[in-house]
Amino acid sequence: MKTGTRISLIAILVSLVLFVAFVAHGRQDKETSEARNSAAETQWEYLVVSGGSANLSTSGNENYPSMRKERDGSFNREYFPLERNFDKLGAKGWELISVYGSPNDPVYFFKRPKETKR
């Protein structure tokens, strides 16, 4: 192969590599920009709930006589009243994002997307 042909092939190859890199970088910038715009448009509302000690009594819970969600016994105890309240919050769109404090006096932090008024 002649030297001139080699240089031409190398130049074409380098140009092709640079073009592919440029296109890939441009696509990544567009995706990043779209993700930022989407995140910027999402507004959140927060709910902070103080836990305290849970009521583990089965009295007054006729609808839930076993007080257990997991029938296999894989957990020593379940805080069933707290779970029921978390289930209700989850059904309303709240997501638990953090727990702070001691086990005897926890504080639960929830968030959900704020409804936009149009």
PDB file of N, CA and C in Angstrom:
ATOM      1  N   MET A   1       0.847  -1.169   0.000  1.00  0.00           N
ATOM      2  CA  MET A   1       0.000   0.000   0.000  1.00  0.00           C
ATOM      3  C   MET A   1       0.896   1.237   0.000  1.00  0.00           C
ATOM      4  N   LYS A   2       0.535   2.230  -0.760  1.00  0.00           N
ATOM      5  CA  LYS A   2       1.336   3.438  -0.864  1.00  0.00           C
ATOM      6  C   LYS A   2       1.153   4.302   0.375  1.00  0.00           C
ATOM      7  N   THR A   3       2.145   5.114   0.650  1.00  0.00           N
ATOM      8  CA  THR A   3       2.127   5.979   1.812  1.00  0.00           C
ATOM      9  C   THR A   3       0.957   6.964   1.745  1.00  0.00           C
ATOM     10  N   GLY A   4       0.679   7.489   0.592  1.00  0.00           N
ATOM     11  CA  GLY A   4      -0.428   8.450   0.424  1.00  0.00           C
ATOM     12  C   GLY A   4      -1.773   7.797   0.716  1.00  0.00           C
ATOM     13  N   THR A   5      -1.928   6.548   0.321  1.00  0.00           N
ATOM     14  CA  THR A   5      -3.168   5.823   0.567  1.00  0.00           C
ATOM     15  C   THR A   5      -3.324   5.536   2.057  1.00  0.00           C
ATOM     16  N   ARG A   6      -2.219   5.166   2.698  1.00  0.00           N
ATOM     17  CA  ARG A   6      -2.258   4.908   4.143  1.00  0.00           C
ATOM     18  C   ARG A   6      -2.681   6.162   4.913  1.00  0.00           C
ATOM     19  N   ILE A   7      -2.096   7.278   4.557  1.00  0.00           N
ATOM     20  CA  ILE A   7      -2.417   8.532   5.236  1.00  0.00           C
ATOM     21  C   ILE A   7      -3.891   8.874   5.031  1.00  0.00           C
ATOM     22  N   SER A   8      -4.387   8.657   3.825  1.00  0.00           N
ATOM     23  CA  SER A   8      -5.805   8.930   3.542  1.00  0.00           C
ATOM     24  C   SER A   8      -6.707   8.021   4.368  1.00  0.00           C
ATOM     25  N   LEU A   9      -6.369   6.742   4.448  1.00  0.00           N
ATOM     26  CA  LEU A   9      -7.175   5.810   5.245  1.00  0.00           C
ATOM     27  C   LEU A   9      -7.129   6.172   6.726  1.00  0.00           C
ATOM     28  N   ILE A  10      -5.950   6.539   7.214  1.00  0.00           N
ATOM     29  CA  ILE A  10      -5.818   6.937   8.616  1.00  0.00           C
ATOM     30  C   ILE A  10      -6.626   8.207   8.869  1.00  0.00           C
ATOM     31  N   ALA A  11      -6.577   9.146   7.971  1.00  0.00           N
ATOM     32  CA  ALA A  11      -7.336  10.393   8.113  1.00  0.00           C
ATOM     33  C   ALA A  11      -8.843  10.107   8.124  1.00  0.00           C
ATOM     34  N   ILE A  12      -9.293   9.224   7.253  1.00  0.00           N
ATOM     35  CA  ILE A  12     -10.713   8.859   7.215  1.00  0.00           C
ATOM     36  C   ILE A  12     -11.110   8.149   8.505  1.00  0.00           C
ATOM     37  N   LEU A  13     -10.267   7.244   8.971  1.00  0.00           N
ATOM     38  CA  LEU A  13     -10.546   6.515  10.205  1.00  0.00           C
ATOM     39  C   LEU A  13     -10.610   7.462  11.403  1.00  0.00           C
ATOM     40  N   VAL A  14      -9.651   8.369  11.512  1.00  0.00           N
ATOM     41  CA  VAL A  14      -9.642   9.342  12.609  1.00  0.00           C
ATOM     42  C   VAL A  14     -10.882  10.232  12.527  1.00  0.00           C
ATOM     43  N   SER A  15     -11.239  10.663  11.341  1.00  0.00           N
ATOM     44  CA  SER A  15     -12.436  11.492  11.164  1.00  0.00           C
ATOM     45  C   SER A  15     -13.683  10.739  11.594  1.00  0.00           C
ATOM     46  N   LEU A  16     -13.766   9.467  11.227  1.00  0.00           N
ATOM     47  CA  LEU A  16     -14.916   8.649  11.598  1.00  0.00           C
ATOM     48  C   LEU A  16     -15.008   8.486  13.120  1.00  0.00           C
ATOM     49  N   VAL A  17     -13.879   8.218  13.775  1.00  0.00           N
ATOM     50  CA  VAL A  17     -13.842   8.069  15.226  1.00  0.00           C
ATOM     51  C   VAL A  17     -14.272   9.377  15.896  1.00  0.00           C
ATOM     52  N   LEU A  18     -13.746  10.491  15.431  1.00  0.00           N
ATOM     53  CA  LEU A  18     -14.119  11.790  15.990  1.00  0.00           C
ATOM     54  C   LEU A  18     -15.609  12.080  15.782  1.00  0.00           C
ATOM     55  N   PHE A  19     -16.137  11.737  14.628  1.00  0.00           N
ATOM     56  CA  PHE A  19     -17.561  11.952  14.355  1.00  0.00           C
ATOM     57  C   PHE A  19     -18.429  11.130  15.304  1.00  0.00           C
ATOM     58  N   VAL A  20     -18.084   9.851  15.478  1.00  0.00           N
ATOM     59  CA  VAL A  20     -18.853   8.983  16.387  1.00  0.00           C
ATOM     60  C   VAL A  20     -18.773   9.516  17.817  1.00  0.00           C
ATOM     61  N   ALA A  21     -17.601   9.942  18.240  1.00  0.00           N
ATOM     62  CA  ALA A  21     -17.443  10.495  19.592  1.00  0.00           C
ATOM     63  C   ALA A  21     -18.275  11.768  19.751  1.00  0.00           C
ATOM     64  N   PHE A  22     -18.274  12.621  18.744  1.00  0.00           N
ATOM     65  CA  PHE A  22     -19.045  13.861  18.793  1.00  0.00           C
ATOM     66  C   PHE A  22     -20.539  13.577  18.885  1.00  0.00           C
ATOM     67  N   VAL A  23     -21.030  12.641  18.084  1.00  0.00           N
ATOM     68  CA  VAL A  23     -22.454  12.280  18.112  1.00  0.00           C
ATOM     69  C   VAL A  23     -22.828  11.681  19.462  1.00  0.00           C
ATOM     70  N   ALA A  24     -22.000  10.784  19.997  1.00  0.00           N
ATOM     71  CA  ALA A  24     -22.283  10.160  21.295  1.00  0.00           C
ATOM     72  C   ALA A  24     -22.291  11.203  22.402  1.00  0.00           C
ATOM     73  N   HIS A  25     -21.348  12.136  22.368  1.00  0.00           N
ATOM     74  CA  HIS A  25     -21.286  13.190  23.390  1.00  0.00           C
ATOM     75  C   HIS A  25     -22.513  14.100  23.303  1.00  0.00           C
ATOM     76  N   GLY A  26     -22.913  14.441  22.097  1.00  0.00           N
ATOM     77  CA  GLY A  26     -24.106  15.278  21.916  1.00  0.00           C
ATOM     78  C   GLY A  26     -25.360  14.595  22.430  1.00  0.00           C
ATOM     79  N   ARG A  27     -25.484  13.297  22.212  1.00  0.00           N
ATOM     80  CA  ARG A  27     -26.646  12.539  22.690  1.00  0.00           C
ATOM     81  C   ARG A  27     -26.650  12.496  24.213  1.00  0.00           C
ATOM     82  N   GLN A  28     -25.475  12.303  24.817  1.00  0.00           N
ATOM     83  CA  GLN A  28     -25.374  12.259  26.276  1.00  0.00           C
ATOM     84  C   GLN A  28     -25.746  13.619  26.864  1.00  0.00           C
ATOM     85  N   ASP A  29     -25.274  14.715  26.261  1.00  0.00           N
ATOM     86  CA  ASP A  29     -25.627  16.054  26.739  1.00  0.00           C
ATOM     87  C   ASP A  29     -27.134  16.285  26.669  1.00  0.00           C
ATOM     88  N   LYS A  30     -27.764  15.823  25.598  1.00  0.00           N
ATOM     89  CA  LYS A  30     -29.210  15.998  25.447  1.00  0.00           C
ATOM     90  C   LYS A  30     -29.953  15.224  26.523  1.00  0.00           C
ATOM     91  N   GLU A  31     -29.547  13.959  26.777  1.00  0.00           N
ATOM     92  CA  GLU A  31     -30.204  13.144  27.804  1.00  0.00           C
ATOM     93  C   GLU A  31     -30.022  13.749  29.191  1.00  0.00           C
ATOM     94  N   THR A  32     -28.811  14.255  29.472  1.00  0.00           N
ATOM     95  CA  THR A  32     -28.541  14.886  30.766  1.00  0.00           C
ATOM     96  C   THR A  32     -29.390  16.137  30.927  1.00  0.00           C
ATOM     97  N   SER A  33     -29.491  16.920  29.883  1.00  0.00           N
ATOM     98  CA  SER A  33     -30.288  18.142  29.921  1.00  0.00           C
ATOM     99  C   SER A  33     -31.766  17.824  30.140  1.00  0.00           C
ATOM    100  N   GLU A  34     -32.280  16.800  29.452  1.00  0.00           N
ATOM    101  CA  GLU A  34     -33.674  16.399  29.629  1.00  0.00           C
ATOM    102  C   GLU A  34     -33.935  15.907  31.048  1.00  0.00           C
ATOM    103  N   ALA A  35     -32.986  15.144  31.608  1.00  0.00           N
ATOM    104  CA  ALA A  35     -33.141  14.651  32.985  1.00  0.00           C
ATOM    105  C   ALA A  35     -33.152  15.820  33.964  1.00  0.00           C
ATOM    106  N   ARG A  36     -32.294  16.808  33.755  1.00  0.00           N
ATOM    107  CA  ARG A  36     -32.276  17.985  34.634  1.00  0.00           C
ATOM    108  C   ARG A  36     -33.583  18.759  34.548  1.00  0.00           C
ATOM    109  N   ASN A  37     -34.096  18.935  33.325  1.00  0.00           N
ATOM    110  CA  ASN A  37     -35.351  19.657  33.166  1.00  0.00           C
ATOM    111  C   ASN A  37     -36.498  18.920  33.835  1.00  0.00           C
ATOM    112  N   SER A  38     -36.518  17.600  33.693  1.00  0.00           N
ATOM    113  CA  SER A  38     -37.566  16.796  34.319  1.00  0.00           C
ATOM    114  C   SER A  38     -37.485  16.890  35.833  1.00  0.00           C
ATOM    115  N   ALA A  39     -36.268  16.802  36.391  1.00  0.00           N
ATOM    116  CA  ALA A  39     -36.092  16.891  37.840  1.00  0.00           C
ATOM    117  C   ALA A  39     -36.434  18.283  38.338  1.00  0.00           C
ATOM    118  N   ALA A  40     -36.118  19.301  37.547  1.00  0.00           N
ATOM    119  CA  ALA A  40     -36.411  20.666  37.960  1.00  0.00           C
ATOM    120  C   ALA A  40     -37.912  20.924  37.974  1.00  0.00           C
ATOM    121  N   GLU A  41     -38.651  20.249  37.111  1.00  0.00           N
ATOM    122  CA  GLU A  41     -40.093  20.443  37.053  1.00  0.00           C
ATOM    123  C   GLU A  41     -40.812  19.736  38.196  1.00  0.00           C
ATOM    124  N   THR A  42     -40.237  18.672  38.750  1.00  0.00           N
ATOM    125  CA  THR A  42     -40.873  17.933  39.829  1.00  0.00           C
ATOM    126  C   THR A  42     -40.727  18.709  41.125  1.00  0.00           C
ATOM    127  N   GLN A  43     -41.855  19.011  41.736  1.00  0.00           N
ATOM    128  CA  GLN A  43     -41.845  19.645  43.042  1.00  0.00           C
ATOM    129  C   GLN A  43     -42.336  18.619  44.047  1.00  0.00           C
ATOM    130  N   TRP A  44     -41.796  18.693  45.261  1.00  0.00           N
ATOM    131  CA  TRP A  44     -42.093  17.704  46.280  1.00  0.00           C
ATOM    132  C   TRP A  44     -42.797  18.345  47.464  1.00  0.00           C
ATOM    133  N   GLU A  45     -43.607  17.552  48.129  1.00  0.00           N
ATOM    134  CA  GLU A  45     -44.135  17.949  49.428  1.00  0.00           C
ATOM    135  C   GLU A  45     -43.697  16.892  50.424  1.00  0.00           C
ATOM    136  N   TYR A  46     -43.549  17.310  51.667  1.00  0.00           N
ATOM    137  CA  TYR A  46     -42.965  16.438  52.686  1.00  0.00           C
ATOM    138  C   TYR A  46     -43.907  16.291  53.869  1.00  0.00           C
ATOM    139  N   LEU A  47     -43.771  15.176  54.543  1.00  0.00           N
ATOM    140  CA  LEU A  47     -44.555  14.871  55.739  1.00  0.00           C
ATOM    141  C   LEU A  47     -43.586  14.314  56.774  1.00  0.00           C
ATOM    142  N   VAL A  48     -43.627  14.866  57.978  1.00  0.00           N
ATOM    143  CA  VAL A  48     -42.773  14.404  59.069  1.00  0.00           C
ATOM    144  C   VAL A  48     -43.696  13.866  60.158  1.00  0.00           C
ATOM    145  N   VAL A  49     -43.469  12.611  60.548  1.00  0.00           N
ATOM    146  CA  VAL A  49     -44.322  11.943  61.526  1.00  0.00           C
ATOM    147  C   VAL A  49     -43.454  11.464  62.682  1.00  0.00           C
ATOM    148  N   SER A  50     -43.858  11.832  63.893  1.00  0.00           N
ATOM    149  CA  SER A  50     -43.176  11.348  65.084  1.00  0.00           C
ATOM    150  C   SER A  50     -43.790  10.015  65.462  1.00  0.00           C
ATOM    151  N   GLY A  51     -42.933   8.992  65.638  1.00  0.00           N
ATOM    152  CA  GLY A  51     -43.421   7.630  65.837  1.00  0.00           C
ATOM    153  C   GLY A  51     -43.801   7.288  67.258  1.00  0.00           C
ATOM    154  N   GLY A  52     -42.892   7.463  68.209  1.00  0.00           N
ATOM    155  CA  GLY A  52     -43.156   7.008  69.568  1.00  0.00           C
ATOM    156  C   GLY A  52     -43.188   5.497  69.624  1.00  0.00           C
ATOM    157  N   SER A  53     -43.649   4.955  70.727  1.00  0.00           N
ATOM    158  CA  SER A  53     -43.708   3.503  70.848  1.00  0.00           C
ATOM    159  C   SER A  53     -44.980   2.988  70.185  1.00  0.00           C
ATOM    160  N   ALA A  54     -44.866   1.859  69.533  1.00  0.00           N
ATOM    161  CA  ALA A  54     -46.004   1.276  68.824  1.00  0.00           C
ATOM    162  C   ALA A  54     -46.845   0.435  69.767  1.00  0.00           C
ATOM    163  N   ASN A  55     -48.128   0.406  69.501  1.00  0.00           N
ATOM    164  CA  ASN A  55     -49.057  -0.410  70.278  1.00  0.00           C
ATOM    165  C   ASN A  55     -49.038  -1.824  69.702  1.00  0.00           C
ATOM    166  N   LEU A  56     -48.514  -2.772  70.463  1.00  0.00           N
ATOM    167  CA  LEU A  56     -48.436  -4.148  69.983  1.00  0.00           C
ATOM    168  C   LEU A  56     -49.583  -4.999  70.496  1.00  0.00           C
ATOM    169  N   SER A  57     -50.533  -4.373  71.129  1.00  0.00           N
ATOM    170  CA  SER A  57     -51.679  -5.100  71.675  1.00  0.00           C
ATOM    171  C   SER A  57     -52.578  -5.584  70.544  1.00  0.00           C
ATOM    172  N   THR A  58     -53.179  -6.762  70.724  1.00  0.00           N
ATOM    173  CA  THR A  58     -54.124  -7.269  69.731  1.00  0.00           C
ATOM    174  C   THR A  58     -55.552  -6.847  70.058  1.00  0.00           C
ATOM    175  N   SER A  59     -55.785  -6.238  71.206  1.00  0.00           N
ATOM    176  CA  SER A  59     -57.151  -5.852  71.563  1.00  0.00           C
ATOM    177  C   SER A  59     -57.615  -4.706  70.669  1.00  0.00           C
ATOM    178  N   GLY A  60     -58.876  -4.752  70.296  1.00  0.00           N
ATOM    179  CA  GLY A  60     -59.447  -3.733  69.438  1.00  0.00           C
ATOM    180  C   GLY A  60     -59.102  -3.906  67.977  1.00  0.00           C
ATOM    181  N   ASN A  61     -58.528  -5.014  67.622  1.00  0.00           N
ATOM    182  CA  ASN A  61     -58.147  -5.266  66.239  1.00  0.00           C
ATOM    183  C   ASN A  61     -58.819  -6.542  65.740  1.00  0.00           C
ATOM    184  N   GLU A  62     -60.127  -6.548  65.786  1.00  0.00           N
ATOM    185  CA  GLU A  62     -60.888  -7.740  65.389  1.00  0.00           C
ATOM    186  C   GLU A  62     -60.667  -8.094  63.920  1.00  0.00           C
ATOM    187  N   ASN A  63     -60.410  -7.081  63.103  1.00  0.00           N
ATOM    188  CA  ASN A  63     -60.191  -7.334  61.677  1.00  0.00           C
ATOM    189  C   ASN A  63     -58.828  -7.963  61.405  1.00  0.00           C
ATOM    190  N   TYR A  64     -57.925  -7.871  62.377  1.00  0.00           N
ATOM    191  CA  TYR A  64     -56.579  -8.390  62.220  1.00  0.00           C
ATOM    192  C   TYR A  64     -56.218  -9.247  63.429  1.00  0.00           C
ATOM    193  N   PRO A  65     -56.841 -10.398  63.582  1.00  0.00           N
ATOM    194  CA  PRO A  65     -56.627 -11.189  64.787  1.00  0.00           C
ATOM    195  C   PRO A  65     -55.196 -11.698  64.951  1.00  0.00           C
ATOM    196  N   SER A  66     -54.508 -11.964  63.866  1.00  0.00           N
ATOM    197  CA  SER A  66     -53.162 -12.519  63.997  1.00  0.00           C
ATOM    198  C   SER A  66     -52.111 -11.426  64.184  1.00  0.00           C
ATOM    199  N   MET A  67     -52.424 -10.192  63.818  1.00  0.00           N
ATOM    200  CA  MET A  67     -51.499  -9.066  63.920  1.00  0.00           C
ATOM    201  C   MET A  67     -50.201  -9.308  63.149  1.00  0.00           C
ATOM    202  N   ARG A  68     -50.250 -10.120  62.103  1.00  0.00           N
ATOM    203  CA  ARG A  68     -49.049 -10.400  61.327  1.00  0.00           C
ATOM    204  C   ARG A  68     -49.371 -10.316  59.838  1.00  0.00           C
ATOM    205  N   LYS A  69     -48.466  -9.705  59.120  1.00  0.00           N
ATOM    206  CA  LYS A  69     -48.587  -9.671  57.671  1.00  0.00           C
ATOM    207  C   LYS A  69     -47.798 -10.820  57.056  1.00  0.00           C
ATOM    208  N   GLU A  70     -46.667 -11.135  57.658  1.00  0.00           N
ATOM    209  CA  GLU A  70     -45.820 -12.214  57.169  1.00  0.00           C
ATOM    210  C   GLU A  70     -46.145 -13.484  57.947  1.00  0.00           C
ATOM    211  N   ARG A  71     -46.803 -14.389  57.302  1.00  0.00           N
ATOM    212  CA  ARG A  71     -47.272 -15.607  57.964  1.00  0.00           C
ATOM    213  C   ARG A  71     -46.159 -16.612  58.242  1.00  0.00           C
ATOM    214  N   ASP A  72     -45.030 -16.474  57.582  1.00  0.00           N
ATOM    215  CA  ASP A  72     -43.975 -17.474  57.731  1.00  0.00           C
ATOM    216  C   ASP A  72     -43.174 -17.313  59.023  1.00  0.00           C
ATOM    217  N   GLY A  73     -43.436 -16.275  59.790  1.00  0.00           N
ATOM    218  CA  GLY A  73     -42.751 -16.098  61.067  1.00  0.00           C
ATOM    219  C   GLY A  73     -41.306 -15.660  60.934  1.00  0.00           C
ATOM    220  N   SER A  74     -40.944 -15.067  59.793  1.00  0.00           N
ATOM    221  CA  SER A  74     -39.555 -14.692  59.567  1.00  0.00           C
ATOM    222  C   SER A  74     -39.122 -13.499  60.425  1.00  0.00           C
ATOM    223  N   PHE A  75     -40.079 -12.772  60.967  1.00  0.00           N
ATOM    224  CA  PHE A  75     -39.747 -11.649  61.837  1.00  0.00           C
ATOM    225  C   PHE A  75     -40.202 -11.976  63.250  1.00  0.00           C
ATOM    226  N   ASN A  76     -39.397 -11.593  64.237  1.00  0.00           N
ATOM    227  CA  ASN A  76     -39.733 -11.857  65.619  1.00  0.00           C
ATOM    228  C   ASN A  76     -41.017 -11.126  66.018  1.00  0.00           C
ATOM    229  N   ARG A  77     -41.069  -9.828  65.736  1.00  0.00           N
ATOM    230  CA  ARG A  77     -42.259  -9.031  66.014  1.00  0.00           C
ATOM    231  C   ARG A  77     -42.496  -8.102  64.834  1.00  0.00           C
ATOM    232  N   GLU A  78     -43.736  -7.755  64.648  1.00  0.00           N
ATOM    233  CA  GLU A  78     -44.092  -6.771  63.638  1.00  0.00           C
ATOM    234  C   GLU A  78     -44.851  -5.653  64.333  1.00  0.00           C
ATOM    235  N   TYR A  79     -44.588  -4.439  63.931  1.00  0.00           N
ATOM    236  CA  TYR A  79     -45.313  -3.288  64.458  1.00  0.00           C
ATOM    237  C   TYR A  79     -46.523  -3.046  63.574  1.00  0.00           C
ATOM    238  N   PHE A  80     -47.495  -3.913  63.726  1.00  0.00           N
ATOM    239  CA  PHE A  80     -48.632  -3.949  62.824  1.00  0.00           C
ATOM    240  C   PHE A  80     -49.395  -2.633  62.747  1.00  0.00           C
ATOM    241  N   PRO A  81     -49.712  -1.965  63.862  1.00  0.00           N
ATOM    242  CA  PRO A  81     -50.427  -0.685  63.736  1.00  0.00           C
ATOM    243  C   PRO A  81     -49.629   0.345  62.926  1.00  0.00           C
ATOM    244  N   LEU A  82     -48.328   0.373  63.113  1.00  0.00           N
ATOM    245  CA  LEU A  82     -47.484   1.293  62.363  1.00  0.00           C
ATOM    246  C   LEU A  82     -47.485   0.905  60.881  1.00  0.00           C
ATOM    247  N   GLU A  83     -47.419  -0.373  60.599  1.00  0.00           N
ATOM    248  CA  GLU A  83     -47.451  -0.845  59.211  1.00  0.00           C
ATOM    249  C   GLU A  83     -48.760  -0.457  58.530  1.00  0.00           C
ATOM    250  N   ARG A  84     -49.860  -0.605  59.249  1.00  0.00           N
ATOM    251  CA  ARG A  84     -51.153  -0.229  58.654  1.00  0.00           C
ATOM    252  C   ARG A  84     -51.172   1.245  58.299  1.00  0.00           C
ATOM    253  N   ASN A  85     -50.625   2.086  59.169  1.00  0.00           N
ATOM    254  CA  ASN A  85     -50.581   3.516  58.867  1.00  0.00           C
ATOM    255  C   ASN A  85     -49.642   3.814  57.696  1.00  0.00           C
ATOM    256  N   PHE A  86     -48.517   3.118  57.635  1.00  0.00           N
ATOM    257  CA  PHE A  86     -47.609   3.301  56.499  1.00  0.00           C
ATOM    258  C   PHE A  86     -48.277   2.842  55.197  1.00  0.00           C
ATOM    259  N   ASP A  87     -49.039   1.749  55.261  1.00  0.00           N
ATOM    260  CA  ASP A  87     -49.770   1.289  54.081  1.00  0.00           C
ATOM    261  C   ASP A  87     -50.747   2.360  53.594  1.00  0.00           C
ATOM    262  N   LYS A  88     -51.425   3.015  54.531  1.00  0.00           N
ATOM    263  CA  LYS A  88     -52.374   4.080  54.172  1.00  0.00           C
ATOM    264  C   LYS A  88     -51.645   5.253  53.530  1.00  0.00           C
ATOM    265  N   LEU A  89     -50.500   5.627  54.113  1.00  0.00           N
ATOM    266  CA  LEU A  89     -49.728   6.732  53.531  1.00  0.00           C
ATOM    267  C   LEU A  89     -49.218   6.356  52.140  1.00  0.00           C
ATOM    268  N   GLY A  90     -48.746   5.127  51.975  1.00  0.00           N
ATOM    269  CA  GLY A  90     -48.269   4.672  50.668  1.00  0.00           C
ATOM    270  C   GLY A  90     -49.367   4.710  49.626  1.00  0.00           C
ATOM    271  N   ALA A  91     -50.580   4.352  50.018  1.00  0.00           N
ATOM    272  CA  ALA A  91     -51.710   4.389  49.090  1.00  0.00           C
ATOM    273  C   ALA A  91     -52.017   5.821  48.656  1.00  0.00           C
ATOM    274  N   LYS A  92     -51.638   6.787  49.478  1.00  0.00           N
ATOM    275  CA  LYS A  92     -51.856   8.198  49.143  1.00  0.00           C
ATOM    276  C   LYS A  92     -50.644   8.808  48.431  1.00  0.00           C
ATOM    277  N   GLY A  93     -49.656   7.973  48.110  1.00  0.00           N
ATOM    278  CA  GLY A  93     -48.505   8.436  47.344  1.00  0.00           C
ATOM    279  C   GLY A  93     -47.289   8.819  48.157  1.00  0.00           C
ATOM    280  N   TRP A  94     -47.349   8.690  49.489  1.00  0.00           N
ATOM    281  CA  TRP A  94     -46.213   9.061  50.325  1.00  0.00           C
ATOM    282  C   TRP A  94     -45.170   7.942  50.301  1.00  0.00           C
ATOM    283  N   GLU A  95     -43.905   8.325  50.216  1.00  0.00           N
ATOM    284  CA  GLU A  95     -42.786   7.387  50.220  1.00  0.00           C
ATOM    285  C   GLU A  95     -41.890   7.697  51.412  1.00  0.00           C
ATOM    286  N   LEU A  96     -41.584   6.675  52.213  1.00  0.00           N
ATOM    287  CA  LEU A  96     -40.679   6.844  53.348  1.00  0.00           C
ATOM    288  C   LEU A  96     -39.271   7.042  52.816  1.00  0.00           C
ATOM    289  N   ILE A  97     -38.655   8.173  53.196  1.00  0.00           N
ATOM    290  CA  ILE A  97     -37.312   8.451  52.675  1.00  0.00           C
ATOM    291  C   ILE A  97     -36.241   8.408  53.752  1.00  0.00           C
ATOM    292  N   SER A  98     -36.640   8.536  55.037  1.00  0.00           N
ATOM    293  CA  SER A  98     -35.638   8.517  56.086  1.00  0.00           C
ATOM    294  C   SER A  98     -36.296   8.312  57.440  1.00  0.00           C
ATOM    295  N   VAL A  99     -35.524   7.767  58.359  1.00  0.00           N
ATOM    296  CA  VAL A  99     -35.948   7.625  59.754  1.00  0.00           C
ATOM    297  C   VAL A  99     -34.825   8.189  60.605  1.00  0.00           C
ATOM    298  N   TYR A 100     -35.192   8.987  61.599  1.00  0.00           N
ATOM    299  CA  TYR A 100     -34.200   9.623  62.449  1.00  0.00           C
ATOM    300  C   TYR A 100     -34.611   9.438  63.905  1.00  0.00           C
ATOM    301  N   GLY A 101     -33.657   9.383  64.778  1.00  0.00           N
ATOM    302  CA  GLY A 101     -33.951   9.302  66.203  1.00  0.00           C
ATOM    303  C   GLY A 101     -33.702   7.915  66.754  1.00  0.00           C
ATOM    304  N   SER A 102     -34.045   7.770  68.023  1.00  0.00           N
ATOM    305  CA  SER A 102     -33.830   6.489  68.692  1.00  0.00           C
ATOM    306  C   SER A 102     -34.965   5.525  68.353  1.00  0.00           C
ATOM    307  N   PRO A 103     -34.761   4.236  68.565  1.00  0.00           N
ATOM    308  CA  PRO A 103     -35.828   3.265  68.298  1.00  0.00           C
ATOM    309  C   PRO A 103     -37.090   3.516  69.138  1.00  0.00           C
ATOM    310  N   ASN A 104     -36.928   4.112  70.305  1.00  0.00           N
ATOM    311  CA  ASN A 104     -38.092   4.384  71.151  1.00  0.00           C
ATOM    312  C   ASN A 104     -38.807   5.675  70.782  1.00  0.00           C
ATOM    313  N   ASP A 105     -38.164   6.546  70.029  1.00  0.00           N
ATOM    314  CA  ASP A 105     -38.780   7.812  69.649  1.00  0.00           C
ATOM    315  C   ASP A 105     -38.360   8.200  68.232  1.00  0.00           C
ATOM    316  N   PRO A 106     -38.748   7.396  67.236  1.00  0.00           N
ATOM    317  CA  PRO A 106     -38.317   7.686  65.863  1.00  0.00           C
ATOM    318  C   PRO A 106     -39.128   8.819  65.241  1.00  0.00           C
ATOM    319  N   VAL A 107     -38.518   9.454  64.253  1.00  0.00           N
ATOM    320  CA  VAL A 107     -39.193  10.448  63.430  1.00  0.00           C
ATOM    321  C   VAL A 107     -39.082   9.946  61.992  1.00  0.00           C
ATOM    322  N   TYR A 108     -40.224   9.851  61.303  1.00  0.00           N
ATOM    323  CA  TYR A 108     -40.280   9.321  59.944  1.00  0.00           C
ATOM    324  C   TYR A 108     -40.465  10.478  58.970  1.00  0.00           C
ATOM    325  N   PHE A 109     -39.689  10.462  57.899  1.00  0.00           N
ATOM    326  CA  PHE A 109     -39.772  11.498  56.882  1.00  0.00           C
ATOM    327  C   PHE A 109     -40.300  10.883  55.592  1.00  0.00           C
ATOM    328  N   PHE A 110     -41.360  11.488  55.052  1.00  0.00           N
ATOM    329  CA  PHE A 110     -41.990  11.012  53.824  1.00  0.00           C
ATOM    330  C   PHE A 110     -41.953  12.129  52.784  1.00  0.00           C
ATOM    331  N   LYS A 111     -42.013  11.744  51.510  1.00  0.00           N
ATOM    332  CA  LYS A 111     -42.182  12.732  50.433  1.00  0.00           C
ATOM    333  C   LYS A 111     -43.056  12.125  49.365  1.00  0.00           C
ATOM    334  N   ARG A 112     -43.648  13.019  48.568  1.00  0.00           N
ATOM    335  CA  ARG A 112     -44.392  12.611  47.382  1.00  0.00           C
ATOM    336  C   ARG A 112     -44.383  13.772  46.400  1.00  0.00           C
ATOM    337  N   PRO A 113     -44.559  13.484  45.128  1.00  0.00           N
ATOM    338  CA  PRO A 113     -44.602  14.575  44.152  1.00  0.00           C
ATOM    339  C   PRO A 113     -45.798  15.480  44.442  1.00  0.00           C
ATOM    340  N   LYS A 114     -45.554  16.763  44.390  1.00  0.00           N
ATOM    341  CA  LYS A 114     -46.612  17.734  44.623  1.00  0.00           C
ATOM    342  C   LYS A 114     -47.491  17.796  43.382  1.00  0.00           C
ATOM    343  N   GLU A 115     -48.778  17.825  43.601  1.00  0.00           N
ATOM    344  CA  GLU A 115     -49.691  17.910  42.474  1.00  0.00           C
ATOM    345  C   GLU A 115     -49.575  19.297  41.856  1.00  0.00           C
ATOM    346  N   THR A 116     -49.378  19.326  40.552  1.00  0.00           N
ATOM    347  CA  THR A 116     -49.264  20.609  39.869  1.00  0.00           C
ATOM    348  C   THR A 116     -50.644  21.084  39.466  1.00  0.00           C
ATOM    349  N   LYS A 117     -50.888  22.351  39.683  1.00  0.00           N
ATOM    350  CA  LYS A 117     -52.174  22.948  39.321  1.00  0.00           C
ATOM    351  C   LYS A 117     -52.018  23.600  37.959  1.00  0.00           C
ATOM    352  N   ARG A 118     -52.816  23.152  37.035  1.00  0.00           N
ATOM    353  CA  ARG A 118     -52.713  23.681  35.669  1.00  0.00           C
ATOM    354  C   ARG A 118     -53.942  24.459  35.318  1.00  0.00           C
TER     355      ARG A 118
END
